[in-house]
Amino acid sequence: MAEEKNKSLRPLKVLLAENNPKKPSCDDLHAPDKPVIEFLFSNYPENNDTAIVVSKCALVIAMESLGQSIRSFDTVKELAAHICEKEIELALIQGKKTDKEYFELVKKLADDHKIKTSRNHKSKDHTSLLSFASKYCAHHNQIYPFYDNDVFTLLKFWGYDVTYMDYPKYVKAITTIQQEQGLSDFSLRHIESYLWSYLSKMKKHDRDNSSTTSN
């Protein structure tokens, strides 16, 4: 398994090496329109103005493909109110929090609410907003990775100790990759982004092969 894992990671290391590891910017992570979201979060880092936080939430949802679960504008307004209540700028902007405190913040943002999404609108229970919470927080602080289900599946396939929707274990696995592969010049956010990119390329390769075979 270790040999297979290392072999699978070689394209990731090559891909990372082709970019500047010293000054990663938002525009080469995930979506091509990252400068837009970078501008908003850089110029309006506070999280105590509902109108601004609504804009930030809406942009994260739109650009990070979260529209399947968060479709209603009323839900976006609820999210903004939830964020303002948590005063999360204290943890995100000061940059003095430990990993444990940051993880607790992400968890509070993800779970400490009564917001109903399109996936649970008929249920009495709320849905964990871990994907949104990790992305919203990471846009304030590029050190930490997004939580992504596909990346989680890849980490699990490679044999890392990860549990579904467990953000601390997820981050620990990516940290292990950083150490194993000698990627200390790259942030965890950068590594997660390229794991996501690697998966996307593999999926496209599989689709192309499937299409060729069927023809």
Protein backbone atom coordinates (compact mmCIF):
# COMPACT_ATOMS: atom_id res chain seq x y z
CA MET A 1 0.00 0.00 0.00
CA ALA A 2 2.85 2.41 0.87
CA GLU A 3 4.51 1.82 -2.51
CA GLU A 4 1.19 2.39 -4.32
CA LYS A 5 0.59 5.56 -2.31
CA ASN A 6 4.02 7.01 -3.11
CA LYS A 7 3.62 6.15 -6.78
CA SER A 8 0.23 7.88 -6.84
CA LEU A 9 1.68 11.01 -5.27
CA ARG A 10 4.44 11.53 -7.82
CA PRO A 11 2.20 13.47 -10.24
CA LEU A 12 1.18 15.69 -7.30
CA LYS A 13 4.79 16.56 -6.49
CA VAL A 14 5.54 17.32 -10.14
CA LEU A 15 2.44 19.49 -10.39
CA LEU A 16 3.40 21.41 -7.26
CA ALA A 17 6.95 21.88 -8.46
CA GLU A 18 5.70 23.59 -11.63
CA ASN A 19 4.24 26.41 -9.51
CA ASN A 20 5.76 28.92 -7.14
CA PRO A 21 5.66 27.34 -3.67
CA LYS A 22 6.85 30.40 -1.80
CA LYS A 23 3.93 32.72 -2.51
CA PRO A 24 0.79 30.70 -3.26
CA SER A 25 -2.08 32.90 -4.35
CA CYS A 26 -5.79 32.26 -4.60
CA ASP A 27 -5.86 32.51 -8.38
CA ASP A 28 -4.21 29.11 -8.93
CA LEU A 29 -6.35 27.21 -6.44
CA HIS A 30 -9.46 25.30 -7.53
CA ALA A 31 -11.47 27.88 -9.49
CA PRO A 32 -10.08 30.23 -12.16
CA ASP A 33 -11.93 33.22 -10.64
CA LYS A 34 -10.16 33.11 -7.28
CA PRO A 35 -8.92 36.74 -7.49
CA VAL A 36 -12.55 37.83 -7.06
CA ILE A 37 -13.01 36.00 -3.80
CA GLU A 38 -9.49 36.94 -2.68
CA PHE A 39 -10.32 40.62 -3.17
CA LEU A 40 -13.53 40.40 -1.12
CA PHE A 41 -12.01 38.47 1.79
CA SER A 42 -8.81 40.58 1.82
CA ASN A 43 -10.60 43.93 1.80
CA TYR A 44 -13.45 42.94 4.10
CA PRO A 45 -11.92 40.50 6.62
CA GLU A 46 -14.27 41.38 9.50
CA ASN A 47 -17.27 39.20 10.20
CA ASN A 48 -19.56 41.51 12.15
CA ASP A 49 -21.46 43.21 9.33
CA THR A 50 -24.29 40.98 8.14
CA ALA A 51 -24.49 42.58 4.69
CA ILE A 52 -20.79 41.97 4.00
CA VAL A 53 -20.88 38.45 5.43
CA VAL A 54 -23.90 37.63 3.22
CA SER A 55 -21.82 38.63 0.19
CA LYS A 56 -18.88 36.52 1.35
CA CYS A 57 -21.10 33.52 2.04
CA ALA A 58 -22.84 33.81 -1.33
CA LEU A 59 -19.51 34.01 -3.16
CA VAL A 60 -18.09 30.96 -1.36
CA ILE A 61 -21.25 28.97 -2.11
CA ALA A 62 -21.24 29.97 -5.78
CA MET A 63 -17.53 29.53 -6.45
CA GLU A 64 -17.00 26.38 -4.40
CA SER A 65 -19.94 24.46 -5.91
CA LEU A 66 -22.03 24.33 -2.72
CA GLY A 67 -25.27 25.30 -4.41
CA GLN A 68 -26.69 21.78 -4.25
CA SER A 69 -27.11 21.97 -0.48
CA ILE A 70 -27.40 25.74 0.06
CA ARG A 71 -29.84 27.05 -2.54
CA SER A 72 -32.07 29.51 -0.70
CA PHE A 73 -31.06 33.13 -0.13
CA ASP A 74 -32.83 32.92 3.22
CA THR A 75 -30.39 30.14 4.13
CA VAL A 76 -27.48 32.36 3.11
CA LYS A 77 -28.81 35.11 5.39
CA GLU A 78 -29.13 32.59 8.23
CA LEU A 79 -25.52 31.54 7.64
CA ALA A 80 -24.37 35.15 7.76
CA ALA A 81 -26.20 35.76 11.03
CA HIS A 82 -24.72 32.55 12.43
CA ILE A 83 -21.20 33.67 11.50
CA CYS A 84 -21.67 37.15 12.96
CA GLU A 85 -22.89 35.63 16.22
CA LYS A 86 -19.69 33.60 16.51
CA GLU A 87 -17.46 36.65 16.07
CA ILE A 88 -15.12 34.45 14.07
CA GLU A 89 -12.83 37.30 13.08
CA LEU A 90 -11.19 36.92 16.50
CA ALA A 91 -9.85 33.54 15.46
CA LEU A 92 -9.34 34.11 11.75
CA ILE A 93 -7.75 37.54 11.53
CA GLN A 94 -5.51 37.67 14.58
CA GLY A 95 -3.76 34.48 13.46
CA LYS A 96 -2.75 33.58 16.98
CA LYS A 97 -4.93 30.52 17.44
CA THR A 98 -3.65 26.98 17.78
CA ASP A 99 -4.72 24.17 15.46
CA LYS A 100 -7.07 22.89 18.16
CA GLU A 101 -8.77 26.27 18.54
CA TYR A 102 -9.07 26.65 14.78
CA PHE A 103 -10.61 23.17 14.48
CA GLU A 104 -13.09 24.03 17.25
CA LEU A 105 -14.03 27.19 15.39
CA VAL A 106 -14.65 25.29 12.15
CA LYS A 107 -16.73 22.74 14.07
CA LYS A 108 -18.84 25.46 15.71
CA LEU A 109 -19.44 27.08 12.36
CA ALA A 110 -20.31 23.70 10.82
CA ASP A 111 -22.50 22.23 13.55
CA ASP A 112 -23.57 24.77 16.17
CA HIS A 113 -26.66 25.99 14.34
CA LYS A 114 -30.25 25.11 13.43
CA ILE A 115 -30.01 25.97 9.76
CA LYS A 116 -31.95 23.75 7.37
CA THR A 117 -30.49 23.17 3.93
CA SER A 118 -32.11 21.73 0.80
CA ARG A 119 -30.82 18.30 1.82
CA ASN A 120 -32.57 18.23 5.17
CA HIS A 121 -35.49 20.65 4.82
CA LYS A 122 -37.97 17.96 5.92
CA SER A 123 -35.85 16.77 8.82
CA LYS A 124 -35.81 17.99 12.41
CA ASP A 125 -32.03 17.81 12.40
CA HIS A 126 -29.58 20.26 10.92
CA THR A 127 -26.96 19.30 8.35
CA SER A 128 -23.27 19.62 9.13
CA LEU A 129 -21.89 22.50 7.08
CA LEU A 130 -18.29 21.30 7.35
CA SER A 131 -17.49 21.81 3.69
CA PHE A 132 -18.80 25.39 3.77
CA ALA A 133 -17.26 26.16 7.18
CA SER A 134 -13.80 24.91 6.20
CA LYS A 135 -13.90 26.88 2.95
CA TYR A 136 -15.18 30.08 4.54
CA CYS A 137 -12.48 29.92 7.21
CA ALA A 138 -9.74 28.95 4.75
CA HIS A 139 -10.48 31.98 2.59
CA HIS A 140 -9.49 34.10 5.60
CA ASN A 141 -6.45 31.97 6.28
CA GLN A 142 -4.78 30.14 3.39
CA ILE A 143 -2.87 27.85 5.76
CA TYR A 144 -5.72 25.43 6.34
CA PRO A 145 -7.28 23.12 3.71
CA PHE A 146 -10.83 22.85 2.45
CA TYR A 147 -12.76 19.77 3.52
CA ASP A 148 -13.64 17.95 0.31
CA ASN A 149 -15.42 14.58 0.13
CA ASP A 150 -13.42 13.44 -2.90
CA VAL A 151 -10.12 14.28 -1.23
CA PHE A 152 -11.33 12.47 1.90
CA THR A 153 -12.08 9.37 -0.22
CA LEU A 154 -8.61 9.53 -1.78
CA LEU A 155 -6.93 9.84 1.62
CA LYS A 156 -8.91 6.87 2.89
CA PHE A 157 -8.03 4.84 -0.21
CA TRP A 158 -4.36 5.57 0.39
CA GLY A 159 -4.70 4.20 3.92
CA TYR A 160 -4.58 7.37 6.00
CA ASP A 161 -6.43 7.47 9.32
CA VAL A 162 -9.40 9.60 8.33
CA THR A 163 -13.03 9.54 9.37
CA TYR A 164 -15.91 10.98 7.36
CA MET A 165 -16.58 14.62 8.37
CA ASP A 166 -13.74 14.62 10.92
CA TYR A 167 -11.80 17.77 10.06
CA PRO A 168 -8.87 17.38 12.51
CA LYS A 169 -8.08 13.86 11.19
CA TYR A 170 -8.44 15.12 7.62
CA VAL A 171 -5.95 17.93 8.27
CA LYS A 172 -3.59 15.53 10.04
CA ALA A 173 -3.57 13.23 6.99
CA ILE A 174 -2.66 16.10 4.67
CA THR A 175 0.03 17.18 7.13
CA THR A 176 1.42 13.64 6.97
CA ILE A 177 1.55 13.88 3.16
CA GLN A 178 3.36 17.19 3.52
CA GLN A 179 5.98 15.52 5.73
CA GLU A 180 6.25 12.27 3.75
CA GLN A 181 6.69 14.01 0.43
CA GLY A 182 9.02 16.78 1.60
CA LEU A 183 6.50 19.50 0.75
CA SER A 184 7.25 21.87 3.63
CA ASP A 185 7.37 24.83 1.21
CA PHE A 186 3.69 24.29 0.43
CA SER A 187 0.78 25.11 2.70
CA LEU A 188 -1.77 22.44 3.59
CA ARG A 189 -4.26 24.45 1.56
CA HIS A 190 -2.02 24.22 -1.49
CA ILE A 191 -1.53 20.48 -1.08
CA GLU A 192 -5.27 19.84 -0.67
CA SER A 193 -5.96 21.94 -3.74
CA TYR A 194 -3.60 19.88 -5.86
CA LEU A 195 -4.97 16.62 -4.48
CA TRP A 196 -8.33 17.88 -5.71
CA SER A 197 -6.76 18.84 -9.05
CA TYR A 198 -5.07 15.43 -9.30
CA LEU A 199 -8.42 13.71 -8.70
CA SER A 200 -10.14 15.86 -11.30
CA LYS A 201 -7.53 14.91 -13.90
CA MET A 202 -7.85 11.21 -13.03
CA LYS A 203 -11.65 11.41 -13.32
CA LYS A 204 -11.39 13.12 -16.70
CA HIS A 205 -8.88 10.49 -17.84
CA ASP A 206 -11.26 7.70 -16.76
CA ARG A 207 -14.22 9.37 -18.53
CA ASP A 208 -12.21 9.80 -21.73
CA ASN A 209 -11.09 6.17 -21.65
CA SER A 210 -14.63 5.00 -20.98
CA SER A 211 -15.92 7.06 -23.88
CA THR A 212 -13.23 5.69 -26.20
CA THR A 213 -13.96 2.11 -25.13
CA SER A 214 -17.72 2.47 -25.63
CA ASN A 215 -17.18 3.83 -29.12
